[in-house]
Amino acid sequence: MKRTATRAVLALITALLTLTACSAGAQQRPHVVVTTNILGDITRQIVGDDVPVSVLMTPGADPHSFGITLTPAS
């Protein structure tokens, strides 16, 4: 369990560093997208209200059997 948590935190830090490196300019606000609700909670604690955070999985979804469904852009 400890190893999984460590990996999740390292992945989150890597994602946050990558997002800051990909910034196109000061005009655009970064947006963080994570897969699971727990990563969403951790990310919100780190970034606060400054950065919007989106979670791909719905609350209560099983991460082991989850599949993303793409919807056409409108």
N, C-alpha and C. Protein backbone atom coordinates (compact mmCIF):
# COMPACT_ATOMS: atom_id res chain seq x y z
N MET A 1 0.83 -1.20 0.00
CA MET A 1 0.00 0.00 0.00
C MET A 1 0.87 1.26 0.00
N LYS A 2 1.95 1.23 0.78
CA LYS A 2 2.82 2.39 0.87
C LYS A 2 3.49 2.67 -0.48
N ARG A 3 3.87 1.60 -1.18
CA ARG A 3 4.51 1.75 -2.48
C ARG A 3 3.55 2.36 -3.49
N THR A 4 2.29 1.95 -3.45
CA THR A 4 1.29 2.48 -4.36
C THR A 4 1.07 3.97 -4.12
N ALA A 5 1.00 4.36 -2.86
CA ALA A 5 0.81 5.77 -2.53
C ALA A 5 2.01 6.60 -2.99
N THR A 6 3.20 6.05 -2.80
CA THR A 6 4.41 6.76 -3.24
C THR A 6 4.40 6.94 -4.75
N ARG A 7 4.04 5.90 -5.47
CA ARG A 7 3.98 5.99 -6.92
C ARG A 7 2.94 7.01 -7.37
N ALA A 8 1.80 7.04 -6.69
CA ALA A 8 0.74 7.98 -7.05
C ALA A 8 1.21 9.42 -6.84
N VAL A 9 1.90 9.67 -5.73
CA VAL A 9 2.39 11.03 -5.46
C VAL A 9 3.45 11.41 -6.48
N LEU A 10 4.35 10.50 -6.81
CA LEU A 10 5.37 10.80 -7.82
C LEU A 10 4.75 11.07 -9.19
N ALA A 11 3.72 10.30 -9.54
CA ALA A 11 3.03 10.53 -10.81
C ALA A 11 2.35 11.90 -10.82
N LEU A 12 1.77 12.26 -9.70
CA LEU A 12 1.10 13.56 -9.59
C LEU A 12 2.11 14.70 -9.73
N ILE A 13 3.23 14.59 -9.06
CA ILE A 13 4.26 15.62 -9.15
C ILE A 13 4.77 15.73 -10.58
N THR A 14 5.00 14.59 -11.22
CA THR A 14 5.45 14.60 -12.62
C THR A 14 4.42 15.28 -13.51
N ALA A 15 3.16 14.97 -13.31
CA ALA A 15 2.10 15.58 -14.12
C ALA A 15 2.05 17.09 -13.90
N LEU A 16 2.18 17.52 -12.66
CA LEU A 16 2.13 18.96 -12.38
C LEU A 16 3.32 19.68 -13.00
N LEU A 17 4.50 19.06 -12.93
CA LEU A 17 5.67 19.68 -13.55
C LEU A 17 5.54 19.73 -15.06
N THR A 18 4.95 18.69 -15.65
CA THR A 18 4.75 18.66 -17.09
C THR A 18 3.76 19.75 -17.51
N LEU A 19 2.71 19.92 -16.75
CA LEU A 19 1.71 20.93 -17.08
C LEU A 19 2.30 22.34 -17.05
N THR A 20 3.17 22.60 -16.09
CA THR A 20 3.75 23.93 -16.05
C THR A 20 4.71 24.15 -17.20
N ALA A 21 5.35 23.09 -17.68
CA ALA A 21 6.27 23.20 -18.80
C ALA A 21 5.53 23.39 -20.12
N CYS A 22 4.28 22.97 -20.19
CA CYS A 22 3.50 23.04 -21.43
C CYS A 22 2.69 24.33 -21.55
N SER A 23 2.83 25.23 -20.63
CA SER A 23 2.05 26.45 -20.65
C SER A 23 2.36 27.27 -21.89
N ALA A 24 1.32 27.65 -22.62
CA ALA A 24 1.49 28.42 -23.86
C ALA A 24 1.70 29.90 -23.59
N GLY A 25 1.32 30.36 -22.44
CA GLY A 25 1.49 31.78 -22.12
C GLY A 25 0.79 32.12 -20.83
N ALA A 26 0.98 33.32 -20.39
CA ALA A 26 0.39 33.75 -19.13
C ALA A 26 -1.12 33.92 -19.24
N GLN A 27 -1.65 34.01 -20.44
CA GLN A 27 -3.08 34.21 -20.66
C GLN A 27 -3.90 32.98 -20.31
N GLN A 28 -3.35 31.80 -20.56
CA GLN A 28 -4.10 30.57 -20.35
C GLN A 28 -3.84 30.01 -18.96
N ARG A 29 -4.92 29.56 -18.30
CA ARG A 29 -4.79 28.93 -17.00
C ARG A 29 -4.57 27.44 -17.19
N PRO A 30 -3.69 26.83 -16.40
CA PRO A 30 -3.52 25.38 -16.50
C PRO A 30 -4.76 24.66 -15.98
N HIS A 31 -4.94 23.44 -16.42
CA HIS A 31 -6.06 22.60 -15.99
C HIS A 31 -5.50 21.21 -15.77
N VAL A 32 -5.73 20.64 -14.60
CA VAL A 32 -5.21 19.32 -14.28
C VAL A 32 -6.32 18.28 -14.46
N VAL A 33 -5.98 17.19 -15.15
CA VAL A 33 -6.91 16.08 -15.33
C VAL A 33 -6.28 14.85 -14.70
N VAL A 34 -7.01 14.20 -13.79
CA VAL A 34 -6.52 12.99 -13.13
C VAL A 34 -7.51 11.86 -13.36
N THR A 35 -7.09 10.64 -13.08
CA THR A 35 -7.93 9.49 -13.36
C THR A 35 -8.87 9.13 -12.22
N THR A 36 -8.38 9.10 -10.99
CA THR A 36 -9.20 8.61 -9.87
C THR A 36 -9.57 9.74 -8.92
N ASN A 37 -10.59 9.49 -8.12
CA ASN A 37 -11.08 10.49 -7.18
C ASN A 37 -10.05 10.82 -6.11
N ILE A 38 -9.31 9.82 -5.66
CA ILE A 38 -8.31 10.10 -4.62
C ILE A 38 -7.21 11.01 -5.16
N LEU A 39 -6.82 10.80 -6.42
CA LEU A 39 -5.83 11.71 -7.02
C LEU A 39 -6.42 13.11 -7.18
N GLY A 40 -7.71 13.18 -7.46
CA GLY A 40 -8.36 14.49 -7.55
C GLY A 40 -8.34 15.20 -6.21
N ASP A 41 -8.61 14.47 -5.12
CA ASP A 41 -8.59 15.06 -3.79
C ASP A 41 -7.18 15.55 -3.42
N ILE A 42 -6.18 14.70 -3.70
CA ILE A 42 -4.80 15.07 -3.38
C ILE A 42 -4.37 16.29 -4.20
N THR A 43 -4.71 16.28 -5.48
CA THR A 43 -4.32 17.38 -6.36
C THR A 43 -4.97 18.68 -5.92
N ARG A 44 -6.25 18.63 -5.55
CA ARG A 44 -6.94 19.84 -5.09
C ARG A 44 -6.30 20.38 -3.81
N GLN A 45 -5.83 19.49 -2.94
CA GLN A 45 -5.15 19.93 -1.72
C GLN A 45 -3.84 20.64 -2.06
N ILE A 46 -3.16 20.17 -3.11
CA ILE A 46 -1.87 20.76 -3.48
C ILE A 46 -2.05 22.08 -4.21
N VAL A 47 -2.94 22.12 -5.22
CA VAL A 47 -3.06 23.32 -6.05
C VAL A 47 -4.07 24.32 -5.52
N GLY A 48 -4.92 23.91 -4.61
CA GLY A 48 -5.92 24.82 -4.04
C GLY A 48 -6.94 25.23 -5.09
N ASP A 49 -7.42 26.47 -4.98
CA ASP A 49 -8.44 26.98 -5.89
C ASP A 49 -7.84 27.64 -7.13
N ASP A 50 -6.51 27.66 -7.23
CA ASP A 50 -5.85 28.35 -8.34
C ASP A 50 -5.97 27.62 -9.67
N VAL A 51 -6.10 26.28 -9.62
CA VAL A 51 -6.10 25.48 -10.84
C VAL A 51 -7.32 24.55 -10.82
N PRO A 52 -8.12 24.54 -11.89
CA PRO A 52 -9.24 23.61 -11.94
C PRO A 52 -8.74 22.18 -12.09
N VAL A 53 -9.40 21.23 -11.40
CA VAL A 53 -9.02 19.82 -11.45
C VAL A 53 -10.22 19.02 -11.93
N SER A 54 -10.01 18.19 -12.96
CA SER A 54 -11.07 17.31 -13.47
C SER A 54 -10.69 15.87 -13.18
N VAL A 55 -11.68 15.08 -12.76
CA VAL A 55 -11.47 13.66 -12.47
C VAL A 55 -12.23 12.86 -13.53
N LEU A 56 -11.53 11.90 -14.17
CA LEU A 56 -12.15 11.12 -15.24
C LEU A 56 -13.15 10.09 -14.72
N MET A 57 -12.87 9.51 -13.56
CA MET A 57 -13.76 8.47 -13.01
C MET A 57 -14.86 9.10 -12.17
N THR A 58 -16.03 8.53 -12.26
CA THR A 58 -17.13 8.99 -11.42
C THR A 58 -16.95 8.43 -10.01
N PRO A 59 -17.50 9.09 -9.01
CA PRO A 59 -17.40 8.57 -7.64
C PRO A 59 -17.99 7.16 -7.56
N GLY A 60 -17.29 6.26 -6.88
CA GLY A 60 -17.76 4.89 -6.72
C GLY A 60 -17.37 3.94 -7.84
N ALA A 61 -16.74 4.44 -8.90
CA ALA A 61 -16.33 3.58 -10.01
C ALA A 61 -15.15 2.70 -9.58
N ASP A 62 -15.10 1.48 -10.08
CA ASP A 62 -14.01 0.56 -9.78
C ASP A 62 -12.84 0.85 -10.71
N PRO A 63 -11.70 1.27 -10.18
CA PRO A 63 -10.56 1.62 -11.05
C PRO A 63 -10.00 0.43 -11.81
N HIS A 64 -10.28 -0.79 -11.37
CA HIS A 64 -9.76 -1.98 -12.03
C HIS A 64 -10.56 -2.38 -13.26
N SER A 65 -11.79 -1.92 -13.33
CA SER A 65 -12.62 -2.28 -14.48
C SER A 65 -13.12 -1.04 -15.23
N PHE A 66 -12.52 0.10 -14.95
CA PHE A 66 -12.98 1.36 -15.54
C PHE A 66 -12.49 1.49 -16.97
N GLY A 67 -13.34 1.96 -17.83
CA GLY A 67 -12.98 2.27 -19.21
C GLY A 67 -13.51 3.64 -19.58
N ILE A 68 -12.70 4.44 -20.23
CA ILE A 68 -13.12 5.79 -20.60
C ILE A 68 -13.97 5.72 -21.86
N THR A 69 -15.07 6.43 -21.86
CA THR A 69 -15.94 6.53 -23.02
C THR A 69 -15.80 7.92 -23.60
N LEU A 70 -15.44 7.97 -24.85
CA LEU A 70 -15.27 9.27 -25.51
C LEU A 70 -16.60 9.73 -26.09
N THR A 71 -16.90 10.99 -25.88
CA THR A 71 -18.09 11.57 -26.49
C THR A 71 -17.65 12.57 -27.54
N PRO A 72 -18.37 12.65 -28.63
CA PRO A 72 -18.00 13.59 -29.70
C PRO A 72 -18.04 15.03 -29.20
N ALA A 73 -17.11 15.83 -29.69
CA ALA A 73 -17.11 17.25 -29.35
C ALA A 73 -18.29 17.94 -30.01
N SER A 74 -18.86 18.89 -29.29
CA SER A 74 -20.02 19.60 -29.88
C SER A 74 -19.62 20.92 -30.44
